[in-house]
Amino acid sequence: MSASPSLRLHLPDETATEALAARLAPLLTDRPAPAAPDAPPGAAAGGRIHLRGDLGAGKTAFVRALLRACGIKGRIKSPSYALLESYKISNLYFYHFDFYRFSDPREWLDAGFRDLLRDDAVVLIEWPERAQGLLPAPDMEIFLAYADRGRDADLTVYTARGQAWLNVLTQTASPPGTGAPPRGGA
């Protein structure tokens, strides 16, 4: 089996994390980057991102930055206790899951979450490994790890949609706000 395409970025600070989220947001909403945050989503909007990493590695911070960049206003809560927070802009739904508290991989099925894993919604799942392979493959997985004072973000794609996102993210030699060129390769 061949390796999935991936990209490693160093995120030296919160500003770099927000910049990466801002670059990814228009790809999820299928809007050009200068479009107003409340512009209606395009026909190809949606996608599934799994976020992995140790406690405190920045998964929720990244999701908050991504949701803000997509146009979500108001308080963005962590779904650590509620398991799910949902949002809507125009006709595009955003579902933010956190499976950290699951002790049995089938709990997410018992909770009725399968119906929300739609291709035409933005689905963000923290701790997907707690479902132990019962989830469909994500378009992209983002693994965040501590690195000096910042974080390293490993972006791995599993679908054609994810590959299209990765292609856009790798178009520049140095992503805005990261302070370093991408490492790894697509």
N, C-alpha and C. Protein backbone atom coordinates (compact mmCIF):
# COMPACT_ATOMS: atom_id res chain seq x y z
N MET A 1 0.84 -1.18 0.00
CA MET A 1 0.00 0.00 0.00
C MET A 1 0.88 1.24 0.00
N SER A 2 0.62 2.18 -0.88
CA SER A 2 1.45 3.37 -0.97
C SER A 2 1.08 4.36 0.13
N ALA A 3 2.04 5.19 0.47
CA ALA A 3 1.81 6.20 1.49
C ALA A 3 0.86 7.26 0.97
N SER A 4 0.03 7.79 1.86
CA SER A 4 -0.86 8.87 1.50
C SER A 4 -0.06 10.16 1.37
N PRO A 5 -0.43 11.02 0.43
CA PRO A 5 0.26 12.30 0.31
C PRO A 5 0.16 13.09 1.61
N SER A 6 1.25 13.78 1.95
CA SER A 6 1.25 14.54 3.19
C SER A 6 2.12 15.78 3.08
N LEU A 7 1.97 16.62 4.06
CA LEU A 7 2.73 17.86 4.15
C LEU A 7 2.98 18.14 5.62
N ARG A 8 4.19 18.54 5.97
CA ARG A 8 4.49 18.93 7.35
C ARG A 8 4.77 20.42 7.36
N LEU A 9 4.11 21.11 8.28
CA LEU A 9 4.30 22.55 8.47
C LEU A 9 4.68 22.80 9.91
N HIS A 10 5.57 23.75 10.12
CA HIS A 10 5.86 24.18 11.49
C HIS A 10 5.02 25.41 11.77
N LEU A 11 4.30 25.38 12.88
CA LEU A 11 3.45 26.50 13.31
C LEU A 11 4.09 27.07 14.58
N PRO A 12 4.88 28.12 14.44
CA PRO A 12 5.63 28.62 15.60
C PRO A 12 4.77 29.27 16.68
N ASP A 13 3.55 29.68 16.31
CA ASP A 13 2.71 30.36 17.30
C ASP A 13 1.24 30.30 16.88
N GLU A 14 0.39 30.90 17.70
CA GLU A 14 -1.05 30.89 17.43
C GLU A 14 -1.39 31.60 16.12
N THR A 15 -0.64 32.65 15.79
CA THR A 15 -0.88 33.38 14.55
C THR A 15 -0.66 32.47 13.34
N ALA A 16 0.34 31.62 13.40
CA ALA A 16 0.61 30.67 12.31
C ALA A 16 -0.51 29.64 12.20
N THR A 17 -1.02 29.20 13.34
CA THR A 17 -2.15 28.25 13.34
C THR A 17 -3.36 28.90 12.70
N GLU A 18 -3.65 30.14 13.07
CA GLU A 18 -4.78 30.86 12.48
C GLU A 18 -4.59 31.08 10.98
N ALA A 19 -3.35 31.33 10.56
CA ALA A 19 -3.08 31.52 9.13
C ALA A 19 -3.34 30.25 8.34
N LEU A 20 -2.94 29.10 8.88
CA LEU A 20 -3.20 27.84 8.21
C LEU A 20 -4.71 27.59 8.11
N ALA A 21 -5.42 27.85 9.20
CA ALA A 21 -6.88 27.69 9.19
C ALA A 21 -7.52 28.62 8.16
N ALA A 22 -7.02 29.83 8.05
CA ALA A 22 -7.56 30.80 7.09
C ALA A 22 -7.31 30.36 5.65
N ARG A 23 -6.22 29.67 5.40
CA ARG A 23 -5.93 29.16 4.05
C ARG A 23 -6.81 27.97 3.71
N LEU A 24 -7.18 27.18 4.71
CA LEU A 24 -8.00 26.00 4.50
C LEU A 24 -9.49 26.34 4.40
N ALA A 25 -9.93 27.36 5.11
CA ALA A 25 -11.36 27.70 5.18
C ALA A 25 -12.04 27.87 3.82
N PRO A 26 -11.49 28.65 2.88
CA PRO A 26 -12.21 28.80 1.61
C PRO A 26 -12.31 27.49 0.82
N LEU A 27 -11.44 26.54 1.09
CA LEU A 27 -11.50 25.25 0.41
C LEU A 27 -12.68 24.43 0.92
N LEU A 28 -12.98 24.57 2.21
CA LEU A 28 -14.11 23.85 2.81
C LEU A 28 -15.45 24.47 2.45
N THR A 29 -15.44 25.78 2.27
CA THR A 29 -16.68 26.49 1.97
C THR A 29 -16.86 26.71 0.48
N ASP A 30 -15.83 26.33 -0.31
CA ASP A 30 -15.86 26.46 -1.76
C ASP A 30 -16.11 27.91 -2.19
N ARG A 31 -15.48 28.83 -1.45
CA ARG A 31 -15.56 30.25 -1.79
C ARG A 31 -14.15 30.75 -2.03
N PRO A 32 -13.97 31.67 -2.93
CA PRO A 32 -12.63 32.24 -3.09
C PRO A 32 -12.22 32.98 -1.82
N ALA A 33 -10.93 33.00 -1.54
CA ALA A 33 -10.41 33.57 -0.30
C ALA A 33 -10.90 34.99 -0.01
N PRO A 34 -11.00 35.90 -0.98
CA PRO A 34 -11.45 37.24 -0.61
C PRO A 34 -12.97 37.37 -0.42
N ALA A 35 -13.72 36.30 -0.58
CA ALA A 35 -15.18 36.37 -0.44
C ALA A 35 -15.56 36.73 1.00
N ALA A 36 -16.67 37.39 1.15
CA ALA A 36 -17.17 37.75 2.47
C ALA A 36 -17.49 36.47 3.25
N PRO A 37 -17.20 36.45 4.56
CA PRO A 37 -17.46 35.24 5.35
C PRO A 37 -18.91 34.77 5.31
N ASP A 38 -19.85 35.69 5.06
CA ASP A 38 -21.25 35.29 5.02
C ASP A 38 -21.76 35.03 3.60
N ALA A 39 -20.83 34.97 2.63
CA ALA A 39 -21.22 34.63 1.26
C ALA A 39 -21.72 33.19 1.24
N PRO A 40 -22.70 32.88 0.39
CA PRO A 40 -23.21 31.51 0.37
C PRO A 40 -22.14 30.51 -0.06
N PRO A 41 -22.18 29.30 0.49
CA PRO A 41 -21.19 28.29 0.11
C PRO A 41 -21.38 27.85 -1.33
N GLY A 42 -20.29 27.39 -1.93
CA GLY A 42 -20.35 26.88 -3.30
C GLY A 42 -20.82 25.44 -3.34
N ALA A 43 -20.98 24.95 -4.55
CA ALA A 43 -21.52 23.60 -4.76
C ALA A 43 -20.61 22.50 -4.21
N ALA A 44 -19.30 22.74 -4.15
CA ALA A 44 -18.37 21.71 -3.68
C ALA A 44 -18.01 21.88 -2.20
N ALA A 45 -18.79 22.68 -1.47
CA ALA A 45 -18.50 22.92 -0.06
C ALA A 45 -18.67 21.64 0.76
N GLY A 46 -17.92 21.56 1.84
CA GLY A 46 -18.00 20.42 2.74
C GLY A 46 -16.66 19.72 2.83
N GLY A 47 -16.62 18.69 3.64
CA GLY A 47 -15.41 17.91 3.79
C GLY A 47 -15.26 17.41 5.20
N ARG A 48 -14.39 16.44 5.36
CA ARG A 48 -14.19 15.80 6.65
C ARG A 48 -12.71 15.89 7.03
N ILE A 49 -12.47 16.42 8.23
CA ILE A 49 -11.11 16.54 8.75
C ILE A 49 -11.06 15.86 10.11
N HIS A 50 -10.10 14.96 10.28
CA HIS A 50 -9.83 14.34 11.57
C HIS A 50 -8.62 15.04 12.18
N LEU A 51 -8.70 15.34 13.48
CA LEU A 51 -7.62 16.02 14.18
C LEU A 51 -7.10 15.11 15.28
N ARG A 52 -5.79 14.88 15.24
CA ARG A 52 -5.16 14.00 16.22
C ARG A 52 -4.01 14.75 16.89
N GLY A 53 -3.63 14.27 18.06
CA GLY A 53 -2.52 14.86 18.80
C GLY A 53 -2.76 14.72 20.28
N ASP A 54 -1.72 14.95 21.06
CA ASP A 54 -1.83 14.85 22.51
C ASP A 54 -2.78 15.90 23.07
N LEU A 55 -3.18 15.71 24.33
CA LEU A 55 -3.96 16.74 25.01
C LEU A 55 -3.19 18.05 24.99
N GLY A 56 -3.86 19.13 24.65
CA GLY A 56 -3.23 20.44 24.63
C GLY A 56 -2.39 20.73 23.41
N ALA A 57 -2.40 19.84 22.42
CA ALA A 57 -1.56 20.04 21.23
C ALA A 57 -2.12 21.11 20.29
N GLY A 58 -3.36 21.53 20.49
CA GLY A 58 -3.90 22.61 19.68
C GLY A 58 -5.03 22.23 18.74
N LYS A 59 -5.61 21.06 18.94
CA LYS A 59 -6.70 20.60 18.05
C LYS A 59 -7.90 21.55 18.11
N THR A 60 -8.37 21.84 19.32
CA THR A 60 -9.53 22.72 19.47
C THR A 60 -9.19 24.14 19.04
N ALA A 61 -7.99 24.61 19.34
CA ALA A 61 -7.58 25.95 18.90
C ALA A 61 -7.60 26.05 17.38
N PHE A 62 -7.12 25.00 16.71
CA PHE A 62 -7.16 25.00 15.25
C PHE A 62 -8.60 25.03 14.74
N VAL A 63 -9.46 24.20 15.33
CA VAL A 63 -10.87 24.15 14.90
C VAL A 63 -11.52 25.52 15.10
N ARG A 64 -11.28 26.15 16.25
CA ARG A 64 -11.86 27.48 16.48
C ARG A 64 -11.40 28.46 15.41
N ALA A 65 -10.12 28.45 15.10
CA ALA A 65 -9.60 29.37 14.07
C ALA A 65 -10.22 29.06 12.71
N LEU A 66 -10.38 27.78 12.40
CA LEU A 66 -10.98 27.37 11.13
C LEU A 66 -12.44 27.82 11.05
N LEU A 67 -13.20 27.58 12.11
CA LEU A 67 -14.61 27.98 12.11
C LEU A 67 -14.75 29.50 12.00
N ARG A 68 -13.89 30.25 12.69
CA ARG A 68 -13.91 31.71 12.57
C ARG A 68 -13.62 32.12 11.12
N ALA A 69 -12.60 31.50 10.53
CA ALA A 69 -12.23 31.83 9.14
C ALA A 69 -13.33 31.46 8.16
N CYS A 70 -14.16 30.49 8.52
CA CYS A 70 -15.30 30.10 7.67
C CYS A 70 -16.49 31.04 7.85
N GLY A 71 -16.42 31.91 8.87
CA GLY A 71 -17.48 32.89 9.07
C GLY A 71 -18.36 32.66 10.28
N ILE A 72 -18.02 31.69 11.13
CA ILE A 72 -18.81 31.45 12.34
C ILE A 72 -18.55 32.61 13.31
N LYS A 73 -19.62 33.19 13.79
CA LYS A 73 -19.50 34.30 14.74
C LYS A 73 -19.99 33.84 16.11
N GLY A 74 -19.68 34.61 17.12
CA GLY A 74 -20.12 34.26 18.47
C GLY A 74 -19.19 33.26 19.12
N ARG A 75 -19.65 32.70 20.22
CA ARG A 75 -18.83 31.78 21.00
C ARG A 75 -18.70 30.44 20.30
N ILE A 76 -17.49 29.94 20.23
CA ILE A 76 -17.23 28.61 19.68
C ILE A 76 -16.76 27.75 20.84
N LYS A 77 -17.64 26.87 21.29
CA LYS A 77 -17.35 26.05 22.47
C LYS A 77 -16.65 24.76 22.07
N SER A 78 -15.86 24.24 23.00
CA SER A 78 -15.26 22.93 22.81
C SER A 78 -16.34 21.88 23.04
N PRO A 79 -16.41 20.85 22.20
CA PRO A 79 -17.41 19.80 22.41
C PRO A 79 -16.95 18.70 23.37
N SER A 80 -15.96 18.99 24.21
CA SER A 80 -15.42 17.96 25.11
C SER A 80 -16.49 17.28 25.95
N TYR A 81 -17.43 18.04 26.45
CA TYR A 81 -18.47 17.44 27.30
C TYR A 81 -19.75 17.15 26.52
N ALA A 82 -20.11 18.04 25.61
CA ALA A 82 -21.34 17.85 24.82
C ALA A 82 -21.14 16.83 23.70
N LEU A 83 -19.90 16.53 23.33
CA LEU A 83 -19.49 15.62 22.25
C LEU A 83 -19.68 16.22 20.87
N LEU A 84 -20.62 17.15 20.71
CA LEU A 84 -20.90 17.73 19.40
C LEU A 84 -21.33 19.18 19.57
N GLU A 85 -20.76 20.05 18.76
CA GLU A 85 -21.23 21.43 18.60
C GLU A 85 -21.51 21.60 17.11
N SER A 86 -22.64 22.19 16.79
CA SER A 86 -22.97 22.38 15.37
C SER A 86 -23.22 23.85 15.09
N TYR A 87 -22.97 24.24 13.84
CA TYR A 87 -23.09 25.61 13.39
C TYR A 87 -23.65 25.58 11.97
N LYS A 88 -24.17 26.71 11.53
CA LYS A 88 -24.69 26.79 10.17
C LYS A 88 -24.44 28.19 9.62
N ILE A 89 -23.95 28.23 8.39
CA ILE A 89 -23.82 29.47 7.63
C ILE A 89 -24.49 29.22 6.30
N SER A 90 -25.47 30.07 5.99
CA SER A 90 -26.26 29.89 4.77
C SER A 90 -26.82 28.47 4.81
N ASN A 91 -26.51 27.65 3.82
CA ASN A 91 -27.02 26.26 3.84
C ASN A 91 -25.91 25.25 4.10
N LEU A 92 -24.80 25.70 4.70
CA LEU A 92 -23.68 24.80 4.99
C LEU A 92 -23.63 24.53 6.50
N TYR A 93 -23.69 23.27 6.86
CA TYR A 93 -23.60 22.86 8.26
C TYR A 93 -22.15 22.53 8.62
N PHE A 94 -21.79 22.84 9.86
CA PHE A 94 -20.48 22.54 10.42
C PHE A 94 -20.73 21.70 11.67
N TYR A 95 -20.09 20.53 11.75
CA TYR A 95 -20.22 19.65 12.91
C TYR A 95 -18.83 19.44 13.52
N HIS A 96 -18.68 19.81 14.78
CA HIS A 96 -17.41 19.67 15.49
C HIS A 96 -17.61 18.62 16.59
N PHE A 97 -16.98 17.48 16.42
CA PHE A 97 -17.08 16.36 17.35
C PHE A 97 -15.81 16.26 18.18
N ASP A 98 -15.96 15.74 19.39
CA ASP A 98 -14.81 15.41 20.23
C ASP A 98 -15.11 14.05 20.85
N PHE A 99 -14.35 13.03 20.44
CA PHE A 99 -14.58 11.66 20.91
C PHE A 99 -13.67 11.28 22.08
N TYR A 100 -13.00 12.25 22.70
CA TYR A 100 -12.04 11.95 23.76
C TYR A 100 -12.66 11.12 24.88
N ARG A 101 -13.87 11.41 25.27
CA ARG A 101 -14.50 10.75 26.41
C ARG A 101 -15.06 9.37 26.09
N PHE A 102 -15.01 8.95 24.84
CA PHE A 102 -15.53 7.63 24.49
C PHE A 102 -14.60 6.54 25.01
N SER A 103 -15.18 5.54 25.64
CA SER A 103 -14.38 4.40 26.11
C SER A 103 -14.63 3.18 25.23
N ASP A 104 -15.69 3.20 24.47
CA ASP A 104 -16.02 2.11 23.56
C ASP A 104 -16.15 2.69 22.16
N PRO A 105 -15.50 2.11 21.16
CA PRO A 105 -15.51 2.69 19.82
C PRO A 105 -16.89 2.78 19.18
N ARG A 106 -17.86 2.03 19.68
CA ARG A 106 -19.19 2.08 19.09
C ARG A 106 -20.07 3.17 19.69
N GLU A 107 -19.56 3.89 20.70
CA GLU A 107 -20.37 4.93 21.35
C GLU A 107 -20.82 6.01 20.37
N TRP A 108 -19.98 6.36 19.41
CA TRP A 108 -20.38 7.41 18.47
C TRP A 108 -21.53 6.93 17.60
N LEU A 109 -21.58 5.63 17.31
CA LEU A 109 -22.72 5.09 16.57
C LEU A 109 -23.99 5.12 17.41
N ASP A 110 -23.86 4.70 18.68
CA ASP A 110 -25.00 4.69 19.58
C ASP A 110 -25.55 6.10 19.81
N ALA A 111 -24.69 7.09 19.71
CA ALA A 111 -25.12 8.48 19.90
C ALA A 111 -25.87 9.02 18.67
N GLY A 112 -25.88 8.26 17.58
CA GLY A 112 -26.61 8.67 16.38
C GLY A 112 -25.85 9.64 15.50
N PHE A 113 -24.53 9.69 15.64
CA PHE A 113 -23.74 10.65 14.88
C PHE A 113 -23.52 10.27 13.42
N ARG A 114 -23.72 9.02 13.06
CA ARG A 114 -23.45 8.57 11.69
C ARG A 114 -24.19 9.42 10.65
N ASP A 115 -25.42 9.82 10.97
CA ASP A 115 -26.23 10.60 10.02
C ASP A 115 -25.65 11.99 9.75
N LEU A 116 -24.77 12.48 10.63
CA LEU A 116 -24.19 13.81 10.45
C LEU A 116 -22.91 13.79 9.62
N LEU A 117 -22.41 12.62 9.29
CA LEU A 117 -21.16 12.51 8.53
C LEU A 117 -21.44 12.64 7.03
N ARG A 118 -22.03 13.74 6.67
CA ARG A 118 -22.45 13.99 5.29
C ARG A 118 -21.33 14.64 4.49
N ASP A 119 -21.29 14.34 3.19
CA ASP A 119 -20.29 14.94 2.31
C ASP A 119 -20.53 16.43 2.07
N ASP A 120 -21.77 16.88 2.25
CA ASP A 120 -22.08 18.28 1.98
C ASP A 120 -22.07 19.13 3.26
N ALA A 121 -21.41 18.64 4.31
CA ALA A 121 -21.23 19.37 5.56
C ALA A 121 -19.74 19.39 5.87
N VAL A 122 -19.32 20.32 6.70
CA VAL A 122 -17.95 20.34 7.19
C VAL A 122 -17.96 19.57 8.51
N VAL A 123 -17.23 18.46 8.54
CA VAL A 123 -17.19 17.58 9.71
C VAL A 123 -15.77 17.57 10.26
N LEU A 124 -15.64 18.03 11.50
CA LEU A 124 -14.34 18.12 12.16
C LEU A 124 -14.39 17.20 13.39
N ILE A 125 -13.50 16.22 13.44
CA ILE A 125 -13.53 15.23 14.51
C ILE A 125 -12.20 15.20 15.25
N GLU A 126 -12.26 15.57 16.54
CA GLU A 126 -11.10 15.43 17.41
C GLU A 126 -11.13 14.03 18.03
N TRP A 127 -9.98 13.43 18.18
CA TRP A 127 -9.81 12.10 18.75
C TRP A 127 -10.54 11.03 17.93
N PRO A 128 -10.39 11.01 16.62
CA PRO A 128 -11.08 10.00 15.80
C PRO A 128 -10.61 8.58 16.11
N GLU A 129 -9.41 8.43 16.65
CA GLU A 129 -8.90 7.09 16.96
C GLU A 129 -9.74 6.39 18.03
N ARG A 130 -10.54 7.14 18.80
CA ARG A 130 -11.41 6.54 19.80
C ARG A 130 -12.55 5.75 19.15
N ALA A 131 -12.77 5.95 17.86
CA ALA A 131 -13.78 5.16 17.13
C ALA A 131 -13.15 3.91 16.51
N GLN A 132 -11.86 3.74 16.67
CA GLN A 132 -11.10 2.55 16.25
C GLN A 132 -11.50 2.01 14.88
N GLY A 133 -11.38 2.85 13.86
CA GLY A 133 -11.59 2.39 12.49
C GLY A 133 -13.04 2.29 12.05
N LEU A 134 -13.99 2.69 12.87
CA LEU A 134 -15.39 2.62 12.48
C LEU A 134 -15.86 3.86 11.71
N LEU A 135 -15.04 4.89 11.66
CA LEU A 135 -15.39 6.11 10.92
C LEU A 135 -14.99 5.96 9.46
N PRO A 136 -15.70 6.62 8.55
CA PRO A 136 -15.24 6.67 7.17
C PRO A 136 -13.92 7.45 7.10
N ALA A 137 -13.15 7.22 6.08
CA ALA A 137 -11.87 7.92 5.92
C ALA A 137 -12.12 9.42 5.81
N PRO A 138 -11.23 10.21 6.41
CA PRO A 138 -11.36 11.66 6.28
C PRO A 138 -10.82 12.10 4.93
N ASP A 139 -11.16 13.31 4.53
CA ASP A 139 -10.51 13.90 3.37
C ASP A 139 -9.07 14.26 3.75
N MET A 140 -8.92 14.76 4.99
CA MET A 140 -7.59 15.13 5.49
C MET A 140 -7.52 14.83 6.98
N GLU A 141 -6.36 14.38 7.40
CA GLU A 141 -6.08 14.23 8.82
C GLU A 141 -5.00 15.23 9.17
N ILE A 142 -5.19 15.91 10.28
CA ILE A 142 -4.19 16.86 10.77
C ILE A 142 -3.70 16.35 12.11
N PHE A 143 -2.41 16.04 12.17
CA PHE A 143 -1.80 15.57 13.41
C PHE A 143 -0.95 16.72 13.95
N LEU A 144 -1.28 17.18 15.15
CA LEU A 144 -0.55 18.28 15.77
C LEU A 144 0.35 17.74 16.87
N ALA A 145 1.59 18.19 16.89
CA ALA A 145 2.56 17.74 17.90
C ALA A 145 3.36 18.94 18.39
N TYR A 146 3.69 18.90 19.68
CA TYR A 146 4.53 19.94 20.25
C TYR A 146 5.87 19.97 19.52
N ALA A 147 6.38 21.17 19.25
CA ALA A 147 7.70 21.33 18.62
C ALA A 147 8.27 22.65 19.12
N ASP A 148 9.25 22.57 19.99
CA ASP A 148 9.81 23.77 20.61
C ASP A 148 8.68 24.56 21.26
N ARG A 149 8.55 25.82 20.93
CA ARG A 149 7.47 26.64 21.50
C ARG A 149 6.21 26.58 20.66
N GLY A 150 6.29 26.00 19.49
CA GLY A 150 5.14 25.94 18.60
C GLY A 150 4.62 24.53 18.43
N ARG A 151 4.13 24.27 17.23
CA ARG A 151 3.58 22.95 16.89
C ARG A 151 4.04 22.58 15.49
N ASP A 152 4.14 21.28 15.26
CA ASP A 152 4.27 20.77 13.91
C ASP A 152 2.90 20.24 13.53
N ALA A 153 2.49 20.52 12.31
CA ALA A 153 1.21 20.03 11.79
C ALA A 153 1.52 19.12 10.61
N ASP A 154 1.16 17.85 10.74
CA ASP A 154 1.29 16.90 9.64
C ASP A 154 -0.09 16.75 9.01
N LEU A 155 -0.21 17.15 7.75
CA LEU A 155 -1.46 17.06 7.01
C LEU A 155 -1.36 15.89 6.05
N THR A 156 -2.24 14.91 6.21
CA THR A 156 -2.25 13.72 5.37
C THR A 156 -3.61 13.61 4.72
N VAL A 157 -3.62 13.31 3.42
CA VAL A 157 -4.89 13.25 2.69
C VAL A 157 -5.23 11.82 2.30
N TYR A 158 -6.55 11.57 2.21
CA TYR A 158 -7.04 10.22 1.92
C TYR A 158 -8.04 10.18 0.77
N THR A 159 -8.42 11.34 0.24
CA THR A 159 -9.41 11.39 -0.83
C THR A 159 -8.97 12.39 -1.89
N ALA A 160 -9.67 12.36 -3.01
CA ALA A 160 -9.39 13.33 -4.08
C ALA A 160 -9.66 14.75 -3.59
N ARG A 161 -10.69 14.93 -2.78
CA ARG A 161 -11.00 16.26 -2.23
C ARG A 161 -9.84 16.73 -1.36
N GLY A 162 -9.36 15.85 -0.50
CA GLY A 162 -8.22 16.19 0.35
C GLY A 162 -6.97 16.50 -0.46
N GLN A 163 -6.77 15.76 -1.55
CA GLN A 163 -5.61 16.03 -2.42
C GLN A 163 -5.73 17.40 -3.06
N ALA A 164 -6.93 17.78 -3.45
CA ALA A 164 -7.14 19.12 -4.03
C ALA A 164 -6.80 20.19 -2.99
N TRP A 165 -7.22 19.98 -1.74
CA TRP A 165 -6.88 20.93 -0.69
C TRP A 165 -5.37 21.02 -0.51
N LEU A 166 -4.71 19.86 -0.46
CA LEU A 166 -3.27 19.83 -0.25
C LEU A 166 -2.54 20.53 -1.40
N ASN A 167 -3.03 20.34 -2.61
CA ASN A 167 -2.42 21.01 -3.77
C ASN A 167 -2.45 22.52 -3.59
N VAL A 168 -3.56 23.06 -3.13
CA VAL A 168 -3.67 24.50 -2.91
C VAL A 168 -2.74 24.94 -1.78
N LEU A 169 -2.70 24.17 -0.71
CA LEU A 169 -1.87 24.53 0.44
C LEU A 169 -0.38 24.49 0.12
N THR A 170 0.02 23.69 -0.84
CA THR A 170 1.44 23.58 -1.18
C THR A 170 1.86 24.49 -2.34
N GLN A 171 0.95 25.30 -2.84
CA GLN A 171 1.26 26.17 -3.99
C GLN A 171 2.27 27.25 -3.68
N THR A 172 2.41 27.63 -2.42
CA THR A 172 3.38 28.67 -2.07
C THR A 172 4.53 28.03 -1.31
N ALA A 173 5.69 28.60 -1.46
CA ALA A 173 6.88 28.05 -0.81
C ALA A 173 6.85 28.24 0.70
N SER A 174 6.27 29.32 1.18
CA SER A 174 6.20 29.57 2.60
C SER A 174 4.80 30.04 2.95
N PRO A 175 3.97 29.15 3.54
CA PRO A 175 2.61 29.53 3.90
C PRO A 175 2.60 30.75 4.80
N PRO A 176 1.67 31.68 4.57
CA PRO A 176 1.62 32.89 5.38
C PRO A 176 1.54 32.56 6.87
N GLY A 177 2.38 33.25 7.65
CA GLY A 177 2.31 33.11 9.10
C GLY A 177 3.07 31.92 9.67
N THR A 178 3.57 31.01 8.82
CA THR A 178 4.24 29.85 9.40
C THR A 178 5.71 30.13 9.67
N GLY A 179 6.29 31.10 8.98
CA GLY A 179 7.66 31.43 9.21
C GLY A 179 8.65 30.42 8.70
N ALA A 180 8.18 29.40 8.01
CA ALA A 180 9.07 28.37 7.48
C ALA A 180 8.44 27.73 6.27
N PRO A 181 9.28 27.27 5.34
CA PRO A 181 8.72 26.58 4.19
C PRO A 181 8.14 25.24 4.59
N PRO A 182 7.20 24.71 3.80
CA PRO A 182 6.66 23.39 4.11
C PRO A 182 7.74 22.34 4.07
N ARG A 183 7.58 21.32 4.92
CA ARG A 183 8.49 20.18 4.89
C ARG A 183 7.70 18.97 4.48
N GLY A 184 8.31 18.03 3.89
CA GLY A 184 7.58 16.85 3.42
C GLY A 184 7.17 17.09 1.98
N GLY A 185 6.25 16.28 1.49
CA GLY A 185 5.86 16.48 0.11
C GLY A 185 4.54 15.83 -0.19
N ALA A 186 3.92 16.33 -1.21
CA ALA A 186 2.64 15.78 -1.65
C ALA A 186 2.88 14.72 -2.68
